Amino acid sequence: MSEHNEGCLRVGQMAPEFMATAVVDQNFKTIKLSDYRGKYVVLFFYPLDFTFVCPTEIAAFSDRYDEFKALDTEILGISVDSEFSHLAWIQTERKLGGVGDLNYPLVSDLKKEISADYNVLDPESGVALRGLFIIDRDGVIQHSTINNLAFGRKVDETLRVLQAIQHVQTNPNEVCPADWQPGDKTMTPDPVKAKDFFAEV
């Protein structure tokens, strides 16, 4: 376990470091989270390879990978499966329940240590809940969501939140209102200046 006590991981904290085997371009490679320092990272956990909701999510993020890459962001998928299971799933066509070639690494968390460090391990089933974390260039968690096992996540919303994080980090005197999209008006977090925003809404 990392220095984080169980149950207390939250946004604003450093993302727990890990080193693990991942499948990258159908090869096994040891990666560390800190390898991606200086980039944004979307780290998402999913329950198991060769299941039902999971391949739809894995494929959806892979199909949109170029949009994340354009935002200087890497995607890492992670489950409690072995790297051998990951490779077999990647080598299985989508129409047969596999995910096919992926544009980002799938990380093996066979010992369940990473899932435990990120507080997404479901002790009853022994698999990770659908946790998603957006980590900034400095390794700080800026966003987290956790879905239960039976329903998947929305790539568009992940992209929207990522863009909002990048906007406020680039423009520290601005905040993004609900449903903000790139190009929308932002707010100034000041009691007087905020009235200008509300006057126009």
Protein backbone atom coordinates (compact mmCIF):
# COMPACT_ATOMS: atom_id res chain seq x y z
CA MET A 1 0.00 0.00 0.00
CA SER A 2 1.10 3.58 -0.55
CA GLU A 3 1.29 6.18 2.19
CA HIS A 4 -2.45 6.88 1.71
CA ASN A 5 -4.72 5.42 4.35
CA GLU A 6 -7.55 3.33 3.02
CA GLY A 7 -10.63 5.37 2.18
CA CYS A 8 -8.99 8.80 2.20
CA LEU A 9 -7.78 9.18 -1.39
CA ARG A 10 -9.36 12.30 -2.86
CA VAL A 11 -8.92 15.00 -5.48
CA GLY A 12 -6.08 17.39 -4.79
CA GLN A 13 -3.82 14.61 -3.56
CA MET A 14 -0.88 13.06 -5.38
CA ALA A 15 -1.93 10.01 -7.36
CA PRO A 16 -0.45 6.86 -5.77
CA GLU A 17 2.62 5.72 -7.70
CA PHE A 18 2.66 2.21 -9.13
CA MET A 19 4.90 0.03 -11.26
CA ALA A 20 3.27 -2.79 -13.19
CA THR A 21 3.36 -4.87 -16.35
CA ALA A 22 1.25 -3.51 -19.19
CA VAL A 23 0.43 -4.69 -22.69
CA VAL A 24 1.63 -2.03 -25.14
CA ASP A 25 1.34 -2.76 -28.87
CA GLN A 26 0.96 -6.47 -28.06
CA ASN A 27 4.22 -6.50 -26.07
CA PHE A 28 4.77 -6.73 -22.33
CA LYS A 29 6.31 -3.60 -20.86
CA THR A 30 6.95 -2.46 -17.28
CA ILE A 31 5.51 1.00 -16.77
CA LYS A 32 5.31 3.42 -13.86
CA LEU A 33 2.75 6.16 -13.38
CA SER A 34 5.63 8.61 -12.96
CA ASP A 35 6.76 7.78 -16.54
CA TYR A 36 3.90 10.07 -17.60
CA ARG A 37 4.80 13.04 -15.41
CA GLY A 38 4.51 16.18 -17.56
CA LYS A 39 1.44 14.77 -19.35
CA TYR A 40 -2.15 14.44 -18.23
CA VAL A 41 -3.29 10.87 -17.53
CA VAL A 42 -6.76 9.33 -17.66
CA LEU A 43 -6.43 6.27 -15.44
CA PHE A 44 -9.49 4.06 -15.53
CA PHE A 45 -10.19 0.81 -13.75
CA TYR A 46 -12.56 -1.84 -15.05
CA PRO A 47 -13.65 -5.17 -13.51
CA LEU A 48 -12.44 -7.94 -15.85
CA ASP A 49 -11.31 -8.84 -19.35
CA PHE A 50 -13.73 -10.94 -21.44
CA THR A 51 -16.85 -9.53 -19.80
CA PHE A 52 -19.74 -7.47 -21.16
CA VAL A 53 -19.68 -3.74 -20.38
CA CYS A 54 -15.87 -3.63 -20.24
CA PRO A 55 -15.07 -4.14 -23.94
CA THR A 56 -17.48 -1.35 -24.91
CA GLU A 57 -15.61 1.07 -22.65
CA ILE A 58 -12.14 -0.11 -23.63
CA ALA A 59 -12.97 0.21 -27.33
CA ALA A 60 -14.69 3.59 -26.92
CA PHE A 61 -11.62 5.12 -25.27
CA SER A 62 -9.35 3.57 -27.90
CA ASP A 63 -11.49 4.88 -30.77
CA ARG A 64 -11.25 8.41 -29.33
CA TYR A 65 -7.56 8.15 -28.37
CA ASP A 66 -6.39 10.78 -30.86
CA GLU A 67 -8.61 13.39 -29.17
CA PHE A 68 -6.91 12.70 -25.84
CA LYS A 69 -3.46 12.61 -27.43
CA ALA A 70 -4.13 16.06 -28.96
CA LEU A 71 -4.68 17.29 -25.38
CA ASP A 72 -1.28 15.91 -24.26
CA THR A 73 -3.04 13.12 -22.37
CA GLU A 74 -2.28 9.40 -22.04
CA ILE A 75 -4.94 6.80 -21.25
CA LEU A 76 -4.19 3.81 -19.02
CA GLY A 77 -6.72 1.00 -18.59
CA ILE A 78 -6.27 -1.28 -15.59
CA SER A 79 -7.88 -4.41 -14.16
CA VAL A 80 -6.97 -7.26 -11.83
CA ASP A 81 -6.31 -9.58 -14.79
CA SER A 82 -2.84 -10.83 -15.74
CA GLU A 83 -0.92 -9.35 -18.66
CA PHE A 84 -1.50 -12.71 -20.42
CA SER A 85 -5.26 -12.28 -20.15
CA HIS A 86 -4.93 -8.70 -21.44
CA LEU A 87 -2.92 -9.91 -24.43
CA ALA A 88 -5.41 -12.67 -25.24
CA TRP A 89 -8.29 -10.15 -25.05
CA ILE A 90 -6.46 -7.72 -27.36
CA GLN A 91 -5.77 -10.57 -29.80
CA THR A 92 -9.50 -11.40 -29.90
CA GLU A 93 -11.61 -9.54 -32.48
CA ARG A 94 -14.29 -7.16 -31.23
CA LYS A 95 -17.05 -9.13 -32.92
CA LEU A 96 -16.00 -12.13 -30.80
CA GLY A 97 -16.05 -10.19 -27.52
CA GLY A 98 -12.45 -9.04 -27.62
CA VAL A 99 -11.13 -5.50 -27.89
CA GLY A 100 -8.71 -5.87 -30.82
CA ASP A 101 -5.65 -3.65 -31.11
CA LEU A 102 -5.70 -0.77 -28.65
CA ASN A 103 -4.13 2.68 -28.84
CA TYR A 104 -3.15 2.75 -25.15
CA PRO A 105 -1.69 0.37 -22.53
CA LEU A 106 -3.70 -2.14 -20.51
CA VAL A 107 -2.12 -2.52 -17.08
CA SER A 108 -2.14 -5.73 -15.02
CA ASP A 109 -3.04 -5.40 -11.34
CA LEU A 110 -3.00 -9.11 -10.53
CA LYS A 111 -2.02 -8.56 -6.88
CA LYS A 112 -4.84 -5.97 -6.58
CA GLU A 113 -2.48 -3.49 -4.93
CA ILE A 114 -3.14 -0.62 -7.36
CA SER A 115 -6.93 -1.04 -7.10
CA ALA A 116 -6.58 -1.02 -3.31
CA ASP A 117 -4.37 2.11 -3.35
CA TYR A 118 -6.98 3.94 -5.45
CA ASN A 119 -9.81 2.68 -3.20
CA VAL A 120 -11.74 1.05 -6.04
CA LEU A 121 -11.29 -2.61 -5.06
CA ASP A 122 -14.63 -4.28 -4.33
CA PRO A 123 -13.83 -6.74 -1.53
CA GLU A 124 -16.86 -8.95 -2.20
CA SER A 125 -16.19 -9.60 -5.89
CA GLY A 126 -12.42 -9.16 -5.74
CA VAL A 127 -12.41 -6.90 -8.80
CA ALA A 128 -12.09 -3.15 -9.33
CA LEU A 129 -15.15 -0.93 -9.57
CA ARG A 130 -15.26 1.41 -12.57
CA GLY A 131 -13.04 4.11 -11.11
CA LEU A 132 -11.78 6.90 -13.36
CA PHE A 133 -9.11 9.40 -12.36
CA ILE A 134 -7.79 12.41 -14.28
CA ILE A 135 -4.26 13.15 -13.12
CA ASP A 136 -2.52 16.39 -14.07
CA ARG A 137 1.04 17.00 -15.28
CA ASP A 138 2.30 17.23 -11.70
CA GLY A 139 0.78 13.89 -10.70
CA VAL A 140 -2.13 15.41 -8.76
CA ILE A 141 -5.62 13.88 -8.99
CA GLN A 142 -7.95 16.57 -10.36
CA HIS A 143 -11.05 14.44 -10.95
CA SER A 144 -12.39 11.07 -9.88
CA THR A 145 -15.60 9.15 -10.45
CA ILE A 146 -16.52 5.61 -9.44
CA ASN A 147 -19.33 3.66 -11.09
CA ASN A 148 -20.65 0.37 -9.78
CA LEU A 149 -19.93 -2.73 -11.85
CA ALA A 150 -23.02 -2.85 -14.06
CA PHE A 151 -22.80 0.43 -16.01
CA GLY A 152 -20.17 2.12 -18.11
CA ARG A 153 -18.74 5.61 -18.45
CA LYS A 154 -19.08 8.33 -21.08
CA VAL A 155 -16.00 9.28 -23.08
CA ASP A 156 -17.46 12.70 -23.99
CA GLU A 157 -17.80 13.64 -20.33
CA THR A 158 -14.24 12.52 -19.57
CA LEU A 159 -12.99 14.72 -22.43
CA ARG A 160 -15.12 17.67 -21.26
CA VAL A 161 -13.80 17.47 -17.70
CA LEU A 162 -10.21 17.08 -18.95
CA GLN A 163 -10.60 20.22 -21.09
CA ALA A 164 -12.08 22.14 -18.15
CA ILE A 165 -9.16 21.09 -15.92
CA GLN A 166 -6.66 22.19 -18.55
CA HIS A 167 -8.50 25.50 -19.04
CA VAL A 168 -8.49 26.49 -15.38
CA GLN A 169 -4.89 25.37 -14.95
CA THR A 170 -3.89 27.54 -17.91
CA ASN A 171 -6.17 30.42 -16.78
CA PRO A 172 -5.95 30.42 -12.96
CA ASN A 173 -8.22 33.49 -12.64
CA GLU A 174 -11.14 31.68 -14.25
CA VAL A 175 -13.54 28.91 -13.20
CA CYS A 176 -15.81 26.81 -15.42
CA PRO A 177 -19.59 26.72 -14.77
CA ALA A 178 -21.83 23.67 -15.16
CA ASP A 179 -21.71 21.92 -18.54
CA TRP A 180 -18.82 24.16 -19.67
CA GLN A 181 -17.40 23.30 -23.10
CA PRO A 182 -14.32 24.78 -24.77
CA GLY A 183 -15.30 28.17 -26.21
CA ASP A 184 -18.02 28.76 -23.60
CA LYS A 185 -17.87 31.74 -21.27
CA THR A 186 -16.07 31.18 -17.98
CA MET A 187 -16.52 32.93 -14.62
CA THR A 188 -14.20 35.02 -12.49
CA PRO A 189 -14.27 33.73 -8.90
CA ASP A 190 -14.90 37.17 -7.45
CA PRO A 191 -18.21 38.36 -5.90
CA VAL A 192 -18.38 41.48 -8.07
CA LYS A 193 -17.02 40.12 -11.35
CA ALA A 194 -19.15 36.96 -11.11
CA LYS A 195 -22.24 39.18 -11.38
CA ASP A 196 -21.22 39.99 -14.96
CA PHE A 197 -21.48 36.30 -15.82
CA PHE A 198 -24.85 35.84 -14.12
CA ALA A 199 -26.19 39.00 -15.75
CA GLU A 200 -25.55 37.48 -19.19
CA VAL A 201 -26.96 34.01 -18.45
